[in-house]
C-alpha atoms as a PDB file:
ATOM      1  CA  MET A   1     -28.503   2.277   6.762  1.00  0.00           C
ATOM      2  CA  ILE A   2     -25.419   4.504   6.598  1.00  0.00           C
ATOM      3  CA  ILE A   3     -25.582   7.405   9.048  1.00  0.00           C
ATOM      4  CA  ASP A   4     -24.139  10.445   7.272  1.00  0.00           C
ATOM      5  CA  ASP A   5     -22.988  12.096  10.479  1.00  0.00           C
ATOM      6  CA  PHE A   6     -21.691   8.958  12.204  1.00  0.00           C
ATOM      7  CA  LEU A   7     -18.301  10.682  12.166  1.00  0.00           C
ATOM      8  CA  VAL A   8     -17.871  14.453  12.033  1.00  0.00           C
ATOM      9  CA  LEU A   9     -14.843  16.725  12.189  1.00  0.00           C
ATOM     10  CA  LYS A  10     -14.617  18.942  15.258  1.00  0.00           C
ATOM     11  CA  PRO A  11     -11.740  21.125  16.497  1.00  0.00           C
ATOM     12  CA  GLU A  12     -10.666  18.240  18.735  1.00  0.00           C
ATOM     13  CA  GLY A  13     -10.630  15.750  15.864  1.00  0.00           C
ATOM     14  CA  ILE A  14     -12.800  13.029  14.298  1.00  0.00           C
ATOM     15  CA  TYR A  15     -15.826  12.622  16.560  1.00  0.00           C
ATOM     16  CA  CYS A  16     -18.375   9.836  16.915  1.00  0.00           C
ATOM     17  CA  ARG A  17     -21.380  11.518  18.525  1.00  0.00           C
ATOM     18  CA  TYR A  18     -23.227   8.194  18.930  1.00  0.00           C
ATOM     19  CA  ALA A  19     -20.713   6.924  21.489  1.00  0.00           C
ATOM     20  CA  ASP A  20     -18.890  10.121  22.507  1.00  0.00           C
ATOM     21  CA  PHE A  21     -15.370   9.186  21.451  1.00  0.00           C
ATOM     22  CA  TYR A  22     -12.743  10.612  19.101  1.00  0.00           C
ATOM     23  CA  LEU A  23     -10.503   8.891  16.582  1.00  0.00           C
ATOM     24  CA  ASP A  24      -6.905  10.157  16.805  1.00  0.00           C
ATOM     25  CA  PRO A  25      -7.908  13.445  18.492  1.00  0.00           C
ATOM     26  CA  GLN A  26      -5.701  16.489  18.069  1.00  0.00           C
ATOM     27  CA  LEU A  27      -6.674  18.021  21.422  1.00  0.00           C
ATOM     28  CA  PRO A  28      -7.182  16.306  24.809  1.00  0.00           C
ATOM     29  CA  VAL A  29     -10.550  14.540  25.104  1.00  0.00           C
ATOM     30  CA  GLN A  30     -12.321  12.206  27.520  1.00  0.00           C
ATOM     31  CA  HIS A  31     -12.335   9.105  25.274  1.00  0.00           C
ATOM     32  CA  ALA A  32      -9.693   8.675  22.542  1.00  0.00           C
ATOM     33  CA  VAL A  33      -9.386   5.699  20.196  1.00  0.00           C
ATOM     34  CA  ILE A  34      -5.871   5.942  18.765  1.00  0.00           C
ATOM     35  CA  SER A  35      -4.854   4.123  15.590  1.00  0.00           C
ATOM     36  CA  HIS A  36      -1.083   4.325  15.967  1.00  0.00           C
ATOM     37  CA  ALA A  37       1.735   6.084  17.790  1.00  0.00           C
ATOM     38  CA  HIS A  38       2.868   8.750  15.317  1.00  0.00           C
ATOM     39  CA  GLY A  39       2.711  12.187  16.907  1.00  0.00           C
ATOM     40  CA  ASP A  40       0.108  13.552  14.487  1.00  0.00           C
ATOM     41  CA  HIS A  41      -2.299  10.805  15.575  1.00  0.00           C
ATOM     42  CA  ALA A  42      -1.333  10.101  19.181  1.00  0.00           C
ATOM     43  CA  LYS A  43      -1.454  13.246  21.303  1.00  0.00           C
ATOM     44  CA  ALA A  44      -0.814  13.600  25.043  1.00  0.00           C
ATOM     45  CA  ASN A  45      -3.179  14.331  27.936  1.00  0.00           C
ATOM     46  CA  ASN A  46      -6.280  12.399  26.864  1.00  0.00           C
ATOM     47  CA  HIS A  47      -8.211  10.880  29.759  1.00  0.00           C
ATOM     48  CA  SER A  48      -8.997   7.366  28.485  1.00  0.00           C
ATOM     49  CA  VAL A  49      -7.051   5.964  25.529  1.00  0.00           C
ATOM     50  CA  TYR A  50      -7.979   2.797  23.636  1.00  0.00           C
ATOM     51  CA  CYS A  51      -4.948   1.519  21.713  1.00  0.00           C
ATOM     52  CA  THR A  52      -2.588  -1.398  21.096  1.00  0.00           C
ATOM     53  CA  ALA A  53       0.165  -2.322  23.558  1.00  0.00           C
ATOM     54  CA  PHE A  54       2.971  -0.912  21.398  1.00  0.00           C
ATOM     55  CA  THR A  55       1.137   2.373  20.885  1.00  0.00           C
ATOM     56  CA  ARG A  56       0.838   2.708  24.646  1.00  0.00           C
ATOM     57  CA  LYS A  57       4.542   2.003  25.229  1.00  0.00           C
ATOM     58  CA  LEU A  58       5.604   4.500  22.600  1.00  0.00           C
ATOM     59  CA  MET A  59       3.293   7.184  23.966  1.00  0.00           C
ATOM     60  CA  GLU A  60       4.692   6.590  27.448  1.00  0.00           C
ATOM     61  CA  LEU A  61       8.234   6.806  26.061  1.00  0.00           C
ATOM     62  CA  ARG A  62       7.442  10.091  24.324  1.00  0.00           C
ATOM     63  CA  TYR A  63       5.041  11.800  26.728  1.00  0.00           C
ATOM     64  CA  LYS A  64       5.936  10.266  30.109  1.00  0.00           C
ATOM     65  CA  LYS A  65       3.270  11.096  32.739  1.00  0.00           C
ATOM     66  CA  GLN A  66       1.275  13.149  30.237  1.00  0.00           C
ATOM     67  CA  ALA A  67       0.673  10.156  27.943  1.00  0.00           C
ATOM     68  CA  ALA A  68      -2.875   9.573  29.265  1.00  0.00           C
ATOM     69  CA  LYS A  69      -4.815   9.255  32.496  1.00  0.00           C
ATOM     70  CA  ASP A  70      -5.842   5.692  31.650  1.00  0.00           C
ATOM     71  CA  PHE A  71      -4.971   3.189  28.901  1.00  0.00           C
ATOM     72  CA  ILE A  72      -7.338   0.450  27.768  1.00  0.00           C
ATOM     73  CA  LEU A  73      -5.230  -2.012  25.764  1.00  0.00           C
ATOM     74  CA  ILE A  74      -6.905  -3.577  22.755  1.00  0.00           C
ATOM     75  CA  HIS A  75      -5.695  -6.668  20.886  1.00  0.00           C
ATOM     76  CA  TYR A  76      -6.214  -7.179  17.176  1.00  0.00           C
ATOM     77  CA  HIS A  77      -9.595  -8.835  16.417  1.00  0.00           C
ATOM     78  CA  GLN A  78     -10.817  -8.100  19.951  1.00  0.00           C
ATOM     79  CA  GLU A  79     -14.378  -6.755  19.978  1.00  0.00           C
ATOM     80  CA  PHE A  80     -15.211  -4.087  22.545  1.00  0.00           C
ATOM     81  CA  PHE A  81     -17.925  -1.528  23.094  1.00  0.00           C
ATOM     82  CA  ILE A  82     -17.991   2.186  23.764  1.00  0.00           C
ATOM     83  CA  LYS A  83     -21.613   2.779  24.648  1.00  0.00           C
ATOM     84  CA  ASP A  84     -23.635   1.188  21.814  1.00  0.00           C
ATOM     85  CA  VAL A  85     -20.865   1.169  19.189  1.00  0.00           C
ATOM     86  CA  LYS A  86     -18.918  -2.076  18.730  1.00  0.00           C
ATOM     87  CA  LEU A  87     -15.272  -1.598  17.757  1.00  0.00           C
ATOM     88  CA  THR A  88     -12.615  -4.012  16.499  1.00  0.00           C
ATOM     89  CA  PHE A  89      -8.933  -3.400  15.745  1.00  0.00           C
ATOM     90  CA  TYR A  90      -7.240  -4.904  12.664  1.00  0.00           C
ATOM     91  CA  PRO A  91      -3.564  -4.532  11.652  1.00  0.00           C
ATOM     92  CA  ALA A  92      -2.947  -1.506   9.413  1.00  0.00           C
ATOM     93  CA  GLY A  93       0.591  -2.359   8.233  1.00  0.00           C
ATOM     94  CA  HIS A  94       1.750   1.238   8.720  1.00  0.00           C
ATOM     95  CA  ILE A  95       4.094   0.822  11.693  1.00  0.00           C
ATOM     96  CA  LEU A  96       4.289  -1.593  14.607  1.00  0.00           C
ATOM     97  CA  GLY A  97       1.032  -1.583  16.562  1.00  0.00           C
ATOM     98  CA  SER A  98      -0.906   0.421  13.965  1.00  0.00           C
ATOM     99  CA  ALA A  99      -4.594  -0.429  13.709  1.00  0.00           C
ATOM    100  CA  MET A 100      -7.526  -0.006  11.407  1.00  0.00           C
ATOM    101  CA  ILE A 101     -10.657   0.518  13.483  1.00  0.00           C
ATOM    102  CA  LYS A 102     -13.937  -1.094  12.486  1.00  0.00           C
ATOM    103  CA  MET A 103     -17.028   0.433  14.085  1.00  0.00           C
ATOM    104  CA  GLU A 104     -20.469  -1.174  13.986  1.00  0.00           C
ATOM    105  CA  TYR A 105     -23.696   0.595  14.904  1.00  0.00           C
ATOM    106  CA  GLN A 106     -27.333  -0.081  14.080  1.00  0.00           C
ATOM    107  CA  GLY A 107     -26.496  -2.704  11.490  1.00  0.00           C
ATOM    108  CA  CYS A 108     -23.930  -0.613   9.596  1.00  0.00           C
ATOM    109  CA  SER A 109     -20.121  -0.935   9.621  1.00  0.00           C
ATOM    110  CA  TYR A 110     -17.501   1.794   9.229  1.00  0.00           C
ATOM    111  CA  LEU A 111     -13.795   1.025   8.708  1.00  0.00           C
ATOM    112  CA  TYR A 112     -11.351   3.790   9.662  1.00  0.00           C
ATOM    113  CA  THR A 113      -7.954   2.990   8.170  1.00  0.00           C
ATOM    114  CA  GLY A 114      -5.808   5.542   9.964  1.00  0.00           C
ATOM    115  CA  ASP A 115      -2.477   5.493   8.109  1.00  0.00           C
ATOM    116  CA  TYR A 116      -1.848   2.176   6.381  1.00  0.00           C
ATOM    117  CA  LYS A 117       0.269   0.424   3.772  1.00  0.00           C
ATOM    118  CA  LEU A 118       0.052  -2.846   1.864  1.00  0.00           C
ATOM    119  CA  GLN A 119       3.740  -3.240   0.976  1.00  0.00           C
ATOM    120  CA  GLU A 120       5.615  -5.999   2.758  1.00  0.00           C
ATOM    121  CA  ASP A 121       7.378  -4.840   5.918  1.00  0.00           C
ATOM    122  CA  ALA A 122       9.216  -7.172   8.286  1.00  0.00           C
ATOM    123  CA  THR A 123       9.041  -4.607  11.115  1.00  0.00           C
ATOM    124  CA  CYS A 124       5.276  -4.535  11.647  1.00  0.00           C
ATOM    125  CA  GLU A 125       2.139  -6.607  11.366  1.00  0.00           C
ATOM    126  CA  PRO A 126       0.815  -6.918   7.764  1.00  0.00           C
ATOM    127  CA  ALA A 127      -2.350  -5.003   6.933  1.00  0.00           C
ATOM    128  CA  GLU A 128      -5.602  -6.921   7.158  1.00  0.00           C
ATOM    129  CA  LEU A 129      -8.495  -5.658   5.056  1.00  0.00           C
ATOM    130  CA  VAL A 130     -12.048  -6.451   6.154  1.00  0.00           C
ATOM    131  CA  LYS A 131     -15.380  -5.712   4.538  1.00  0.00           C
ATOM    132  CA  ALA A 132     -17.342  -2.637   5.644  1.00  0.00           C
ATOM    133  CA  ASP A 133     -20.254  -0.509   4.437  1.00  0.00           C
ATOM    134  CA  VAL A 134     -18.204   2.667   4.691  1.00  0.00           C
ATOM    135  CA  LEU A 135     -14.452   2.909   4.103  1.00  0.00           C
ATOM    136  CA  ILE A 136     -12.864   5.919   5.816  1.00  0.00           C
ATOM    137  CA  THR A 137      -9.474   6.021   4.129  1.00  0.00           C
ATOM    138  CA  GLU A 138      -6.410   8.216   4.314  1.00  0.00           C
ATOM    139  CA  THR A 139      -5.544   9.858   0.986  1.00  0.00           C
ATOM    140  CA  THR A 140      -1.931  10.940   1.521  1.00  0.00           C
ATOM    141  CA  PHE A 141      -0.944   9.634  -1.934  1.00  0.00           C
ATOM    142  CA  ALA A 142      -4.387   9.322  -3.556  1.00  0.00           C
ATOM    143  CA  ASN A 143      -3.117  10.480  -6.927  1.00  0.00           C
ATOM    144  CA  PRO A 144      -3.126   8.276 -10.067  1.00  0.00           C
ATOM    145  CA  GLU A 145       0.337   9.562 -10.910  1.00  0.00           C
ATOM    146  CA  ILE A 146       1.837   8.223  -7.676  1.00  0.00           C
ATOM    147  CA  GLN A 147       2.951   4.600  -7.626  1.00  0.00           C
ATOM    148  CA  HIS A 148       5.497   3.542  -5.037  1.00  0.00           C
ATOM    149  CA  PRO A 149       8.471   1.663  -6.512  1.00  0.00           C
ATOM    150  CA  ASN A 150       9.752  -1.733  -5.429  1.00  0.00           C
ATOM    151  CA  VAL A 151      11.305  -1.389  -1.970  1.00  0.00           C
ATOM    152  CA  GLU A 152      14.149  -3.829  -2.603  1.00  0.00           C
ATOM    153  CA  ASP A 153      15.218  -1.932  -5.714  1.00  0.00           C
ATOM    154  CA  GLU A 154      15.111   1.357  -3.816  1.00  0.00           C
ATOM    155  CA  ILE A 155      17.174   0.268  -0.807  1.00  0.00           C
ATOM    156  CA  LYS A 156      19.795  -1.323  -3.084  1.00  0.00           C
ATOM    157  CA  LYS A 157      20.539   2.173  -4.404  1.00  0.00           C
ATOM    158  CA  LEU A 158      22.590   2.603  -1.230  1.00  0.00           C
ATOM    159  CA  ASN A 159      24.979  -0.100  -2.427  1.00  0.00           C
ATOM    160  CA  LYS A 160      26.104   2.225  -5.209  1.00  0.00           C
ATOM    161  CA  ILE A 161      27.169   4.863  -2.664  1.00  0.00           C
ATOM    162  CA  GLU A 162      30.515   3.996  -1.072  1.00  0.00           C
ATOM    163  CA  GLN A 163      30.985   7.178   0.928  1.00  0.00           C
ATOM    164  CA  ASN A 164      29.254   7.646   4.258  1.00  0.00           C
ATOM    165  CA  ILE A 165      25.566   8.505   4.095  1.00  0.00           C
ATOM    166  CA  ILE A 166      23.425  10.851   6.162  1.00  0.00           C
ATOM    167  CA  LEU A 167      19.999   9.249   5.793  1.00  0.00           C
ATOM    168  CA  GLY A 168      16.948  11.247   6.857  1.00  0.00           C
ATOM    169  CA  VAL A 169      14.127   9.126   8.304  1.00  0.00           C
ATOM    170  CA  TYR A 170      11.113   9.509  10.528  1.00  0.00           C
ATOM    171  CA  GLY A 171      12.209   8.106  13.864  1.00  0.00           C
ATOM    172  CA  LEU A 172       9.223   5.838  14.421  1.00  0.00           C
ATOM    173  CA  GLY A 173       8.458   3.161  11.851  1.00  0.00           C
ATOM    174  CA  LYS A 174      10.565   4.365   8.931  1.00  0.00           C
ATOM    175  CA  ALA A 175      13.870   4.186  10.844  1.00  0.00           C
ATOM    176  CA  GLN A 176      13.210   0.629  11.960  1.00  0.00           C
ATOM    177  CA  ARG A 177      12.101  -0.470   8.500  1.00  0.00           C
ATOM    178  CA  ILE A 178      15.160   1.107   6.869  1.00  0.00           C
ATOM    179  CA  THR A 179      17.488  -0.521   9.416  1.00  0.00           C
ATOM    180  CA  SER A 180      15.978  -3.919   8.661  1.00  0.00           C
ATOM    181  CA  LEU A 181      16.171  -3.350   4.889  1.00  0.00           C
ATOM    182  CA  ILE A 182      19.811  -2.228   5.035  1.00  0.00           C
ATOM    183  CA  ASN A 183      20.748  -5.314   7.028  1.00  0.00           C
ATOM    184  CA  GLN A 184      18.945  -7.507   4.508  1.00  0.00           C
ATOM    185  CA  PHE A 185      19.979  -5.932   1.202  1.00  0.00           C
ATOM    186  CA  CYS A 186      23.063  -3.802   1.999  1.00  0.00           C
ATOM    187  CA  PRO A 187      24.994  -6.055   4.417  1.00  0.00           C
ATOM    188  CA  GLN A 188      28.292  -4.197   3.923  1.00  0.00           C
ATOM    189  CA  LYS A 189      26.754  -1.038   5.371  1.00  0.00           C
ATOM    190  CA  GLU A 190      27.036  -0.180   9.082  1.00  0.00           C
ATOM    191  CA  VAL A 191      23.991   1.492  10.610  1.00  0.00           C
ATOM    192  CA  HIS A 192      24.436   4.307  13.141  1.00  0.00           C
ATOM    193  CA  LEU A 193      21.441   5.783  14.936  1.00  0.00           C
ATOM    194  CA  HIS A 194      20.679   9.277  16.178  1.00  0.00           C
ATOM    195  CA  TYR A 195      20.153   9.299  19.953  1.00  0.00           C
ATOM    196  CA  ALA A 196      16.434  10.065  19.521  1.00  0.00           C
ATOM    197  CA  ILE A 197      15.919   6.968  17.339  1.00  0.00           C
ATOM    198  CA  TYR A 198      17.947   4.442  19.321  1.00  0.00           C
ATOM    199  CA  PRO A 199      15.391   3.909  22.160  1.00  0.00           C
ATOM    200  CA  ILE A 200      12.628   3.203  19.639  1.00  0.00           C
ATOM    201  CA  HIS A 201      14.731   0.463  18.049  1.00  0.00           C
ATOM    202  CA  GLN A 202      15.182  -1.047  21.479  1.00  0.00           C
ATOM    203  CA  LEU A 203      11.438  -0.865  22.141  1.00  0.00           C
ATOM    204  CA  TYR A 204      10.767  -2.699  18.871  1.00  0.00           C
ATOM    205  CA  GLU A 205      13.076  -5.471  20.000  1.00  0.00           C
ATOM    206  CA  THR A 206      11.264  -5.859  23.321  1.00  0.00           C
ATOM    207  CA  PHE A 207       8.203  -6.633  21.169  1.00  0.00           C
ATOM    208  CA  GLY A 208      10.117  -9.393  19.377  1.00  0.00           C
ATOM    209  CA  TYR A 209      11.155  -7.553  16.195  1.00  0.00           C
ATOM    210  CA  GLN A 210      14.841  -8.078  15.432  1.00  0.00           C
ATOM    211  CA  LEU A 211      16.060  -5.272  13.180  1.00  0.00           C
ATOM    212  CA  GLY A 212      19.578  -6.499  12.484  1.00  0.00           C
ATOM    213  CA  LYS A 213      22.857  -4.801  13.383  1.00  0.00           C
ATOM    214  CA  TYR A 214      22.964  -1.153  14.424  1.00  0.00           C
ATOM    215  CA  GLN A 215      24.773   1.061  16.902  1.00  0.00           C
ATOM    216  CA  LEU A 216      24.332   4.388  18.623  1.00  0.00           C
ATOM    217  CA  TYR A 217      25.975   7.226  16.666  1.00  0.00           C
ATOM    218  CA  ASN A 218      29.705   7.437  17.299  1.00  0.00           C
ATOM    219  CA  ARG A 219      31.291  10.555  15.863  1.00  0.00           C
ATOM    220  CA  LYS A 220      34.807   9.187  16.156  1.00  0.00           C
ATOM    221  CA  SER A 221      33.860   5.993  14.360  1.00  0.00           C
ATOM    222  CA  LEU A 222      32.265   7.847  11.468  1.00  0.00           C
ATOM    223  CA  LYS A 223      35.293  10.147  11.101  1.00  0.00           C
ATOM    224  CA  GLN A 224      37.710   7.227  11.081  1.00  0.00           C
ATOM    225  CA  ASN A 225      35.636   5.132   8.690  1.00  0.00           C
ATOM    226  CA  GLN A 226      34.922   7.075   5.535  1.00  0.00           C
ATOM    227  CA  LEU A 227      33.137   4.295   3.662  1.00  0.00           C
ATOM    228  CA  HIS A 228      29.879   2.339   4.036  1.00  0.00           C
ATOM    229  CA  GLN A 229      28.626   4.051   7.194  1.00  0.00           C
ATOM    230  CA  VAL A 230      24.943   5.048   7.251  1.00  0.00           C
ATOM    231  CA  TYR A 231      23.815   7.517   9.900  1.00  0.00           C
ATOM    232  CA  LEU A 232      20.022   7.554  10.392  1.00  0.00           C
ATOM    233  CA  VAL A 233      18.803  10.934  11.601  1.00  0.00           C
ATOM    234  CA  PRO A 234      15.383  12.584  12.073  1.00  0.00           C
ATOM    235  CA  PRO A 235      14.283  15.321   9.627  1.00  0.00           C
ATOM    236  CA  LEU A 236      15.398  18.320  11.709  1.00  0.00           C
ATOM    237  CA  THR A 237      18.888  16.895  12.115  1.00  0.00           C
ATOM    238  CA  PHE A 238      19.008  15.994   8.419  1.00  0.00           C
ATOM    239  CA  ASN A 239      18.218  19.591   7.495  1.00  0.00           C
ATOM    240  CA  SER A 240      21.111  20.788   9.633  1.00  0.00           C
ATOM    241  CA  TYR A 241      23.563  18.774   7.508  1.00  0.00           C
ATOM    242  CA  THR A 242      23.050  20.842   4.343  1.00  0.00           C
ATOM    243  CA  ARG A 243      26.728  21.813   4.216  1.00  0.00           C
ATOM    244  CA  ALA A 244      28.222  18.524   5.366  1.00  0.00           C
ATOM    245  CA  LYS A 245      31.259  17.552   3.300  1.00  0.00           C
ATOM    246  CA  GLY A 246      32.407  14.080   2.341  1.00  0.00           C
ATOM    247  CA  VAL A 247      29.000  12.463   2.908  1.00  0.00           C
ATOM    248  CA  ALA A 248      26.023  11.687   0.694  1.00  0.00           C
ATOM    249  CA  ARG A 249      22.622  13.085   1.668  1.00  0.00           C
ATOM    250  CA  VAL A 250      19.611  10.811   1.207  1.00  0.00           C
ATOM    251  CA  PHE A 251      16.055  11.010   2.568  1.00  0.00           C
ATOM    252  CA  ALA A 252      13.674   8.030   2.720  1.00  0.00           C
ATOM    253  CA  SER A 253      10.173   9.191   1.791  1.00  0.00           C
ATOM    254  CA  GLY A 254       7.411   8.810  -0.760  1.00  0.00           C
ATOM    255  CA  TRP A 255       7.268  12.595  -1.176  1.00  0.00           C
ATOM    256  CA  LYS A 256       9.019  13.915  -4.283  1.00  0.00           C
ATOM    257  CA  TYR A 257       9.758  17.319  -2.756  1.00  0.00           C
ATOM    258  CA  LEU A 258      11.817  15.692   0.018  1.00  0.00           C
ATOM    259  CA  GLN A 259      14.142  14.173  -2.600  1.00  0.00           C
ATOM    260  CA  LYS A 260      15.140  17.526  -4.121  1.00  0.00           C
ATOM    261  CA  GLY A 261      18.728  18.596  -3.588  1.00  0.00           C
ATOM    262  CA  ASN A 262      19.853  15.213  -2.263  1.00  0.00           C
ATOM    263  CA  ASP A 263      22.588  13.003  -3.657  1.00  0.00           C
ATOM    264  CA  ALA A 264      20.183  10.138  -4.324  1.00  0.00           C
ATOM    265  CA  ALA A 265      16.420   9.638  -4.232  1.00  0.00           C
ATOM    266  CA  LEU A 266      15.027   6.953  -1.926  1.00  0.00           C
ATOM    267  CA  TYR A 267      11.294   6.513  -2.525  1.00  0.00           C
ATOM    268  CA  ILE A 268      10.259   4.334   0.397  1.00  0.00           C
ATOM    269  CA  SER A 269       6.842   5.180   1.831  1.00  0.00           C
ATOM    270  CA  ASP A 270       4.784   3.788   4.692  1.00  0.00           C
ATOM    271  CA  HIS A 271       1.492   4.853   3.080  1.00  0.00           C
ATOM    272  CA  VAL A 272      -0.667   3.343   0.365  1.00  0.00           C
ATOM    273  CA  ASP A 273      -0.298   4.676  -3.162  1.00  0.00           C
ATOM    274  CA  TRP A 274      -3.088   5.063  -5.731  1.00  0.00           C
ATOM    275  CA  ASN A 275      -3.134   1.411  -6.805  1.00  0.00           C
ATOM    276  CA  ASP A 276      -3.113   0.205  -3.211  1.00  0.00           C
ATOM    277  CA  ILE A 277      -6.104   2.399  -2.391  1.00  0.00           C
ATOM    278  CA  LEU A 278      -8.003   0.978  -5.363  1.00  0.00           C
ATOM    279  CA  TYR A 279      -7.110  -2.537  -4.202  1.00  0.00           C
ATOM    280  CA  THR A 280      -8.302  -1.700  -0.688  1.00  0.00           C
ATOM    281  CA  ILE A 281     -11.633  -0.488  -2.035  1.00  0.00           C
ATOM    282  CA  LYS A 282     -11.990  -3.692  -4.061  1.00  0.00           C
ATOM    283  CA  GLU A 283     -11.363  -5.826  -0.960  1.00  0.00           C
ATOM    284  CA  VAL A 284     -13.442  -3.823   1.528  1.00  0.00           C
ATOM    285  CA  LYS A 285     -16.371  -3.519  -0.916  1.00  0.00           C
ATOM    286  CA  PRO A 286     -17.794  -0.338   0.638  1.00  0.00           C
ATOM    287  CA  LYS A 287     -21.043   1.318  -0.367  1.00  0.00           C
ATOM    288  CA  GLU A 288     -19.480   4.705   0.385  1.00  0.00           C
ATOM    289  CA  ILE A 289     -15.950   6.073   0.741  1.00  0.00           C
ATOM    290  CA  TRP A 290     -15.112   8.885   3.149  1.00  0.00           C
ATOM    291  CA  THR A 291     -11.667  10.451   2.747  1.00  0.00           C
ATOM    292  CA  LEU A 292      -9.254  11.979   5.254  1.00  0.00           C
ATOM    293  CA  HIS A 293      -5.617  13.061   5.614  1.00  0.00           C
ATOM    294  CA  GLY A 294      -4.966  14.304   2.114  1.00  0.00           C
ATOM    295  CA  ASP A 295      -6.938  15.117  -1.027  1.00  0.00           C
ATOM    296  CA  GLY A 296      -9.813  12.811  -1.966  1.00  0.00           C
ATOM    297  CA  MET A 297     -10.812  14.662  -5.141  1.00  0.00           C
ATOM    298  CA  ALA A 298      -9.115  12.163  -7.465  1.00  0.00           C
ATOM    299  CA  LEU A 299     -11.054   9.317  -5.846  1.00  0.00           C
ATOM    300  CA  LYS A 300     -14.277  11.298  -6.076  1.00  0.00           C
ATOM    301  CA  GLN A 301     -13.716  11.822  -9.794  1.00  0.00           C
ATOM    302  CA  TYR A 302     -12.643   8.222 -10.405  1.00  0.00           C
ATOM    303  CA  PHE A 303     -15.729   6.730  -8.747  1.00  0.00           C
ATOM    304  CA  LYS A 304     -18.262   9.400  -9.740  1.00  0.00           C
ATOM    305  CA  LYS A 305     -20.464   6.873 -11.569  1.00  0.00           C
ATOM    306  CA  ASP A 306     -20.038   3.979  -9.148  1.00  0.00           C
ATOM    307  CA  LEU A 307     -19.628   5.047  -5.532  1.00  0.00           C
ATOM    308  CA  VAL A 308     -20.395   7.905  -3.193  1.00  0.00           C
ATOM    309  CA  VAL A 309     -17.111   9.558  -2.180  1.00  0.00           C
ATOM    310  CA  LYS A 310     -17.366  12.103   0.606  1.00  0.00           C
ATOM    311  CA  LEU A 311     -14.520  14.396   1.638  1.00  0.00           C
ATOM    312  CA  LEU A 312     -14.539  14.742   5.416  1.00  0.00           C
END
C-alpha cells in the first residue's frame, strides 16, 4: 500500500520520516541521500552523505572540508538500508554520477528521479528506468509545448559561426557535454575553458571520460586568433560579456528566456522534456506520480482520468 506521507517537504528538504533521512537536503541534516553534485541538490555541512563516488569528489572539490562529516559511497544497483527502508541507486543520465533513488518500504516502492535526461550523452552514464509503485519525478520541462531538439543538429549551429564564440554553460555537466559535442561535430573549433570549469574537466577524465581537446583560457591566444575559438564560461561570466565586440554570444540551455538577445540559440538541455517524461511513466508503470522541481499541473491534467498525480 502506498504511504501518502512517505516523503514530505520540510524546510530542510524532502524528508523520509520512516527512516529519518533527506533526499537532496537544502540545509545541513544528519543523514542526506544526494542524487547528484549540482549545487542546488548537493549542499555542504551534512553529517552523513550517501552518494556516488563522483558526487563525493565534486563536493570535496567545491566545498573542501565542509563537504560532509562522513561519506558513504554507493554503487549503482547496490542495495543498502537506512533503518527499515531499502534503497538502490540507478543511473539518472543527468550528469556524471547522477542517480535515481529507489526506496522500498513495507512492500511498496518509490522511485525518486532527481534531475534526469534520456538523451544520449557520452559524458555520463545513460539513464536506467526501473519499475516502481510511485514515480517521484522532476518537472523542469513538464510542458507539452516543450520538446528538446536533436542535439547533433543544435551543436552543428556553431559551424556556421566563424568568429570567436563566448558560450555560456553550467560548469558541471553541461560544459563537459558541450566540449565533447564540439570535438565530435565541430572539429575545426578550439575549446577554451574558464578557470572555474577546467578542474571539473580534469576530474571527469580521472573517472575515465575523455572529452576531447580543450585548453585553459588564454587571452592572448583568443586575441590573436579571431576565428573558430570557443570560450566556455559560467553564467555570471557570460552575463559580464554583454558588450563584448567581435565575438558571438551563445548560451547552451533548454530555457527559451536564456536564448534572448544572443547571436544564436543553442537548445541543449540536461533535463527530460514532455515526451521523455511520458516515456518514463510508461516504462516505470507507477500507480501514482508525485512531482517536484517545477510545475506538475500539466501532468495532473493529462492523467486526470488514469493516474493520481500529486504535487509535492
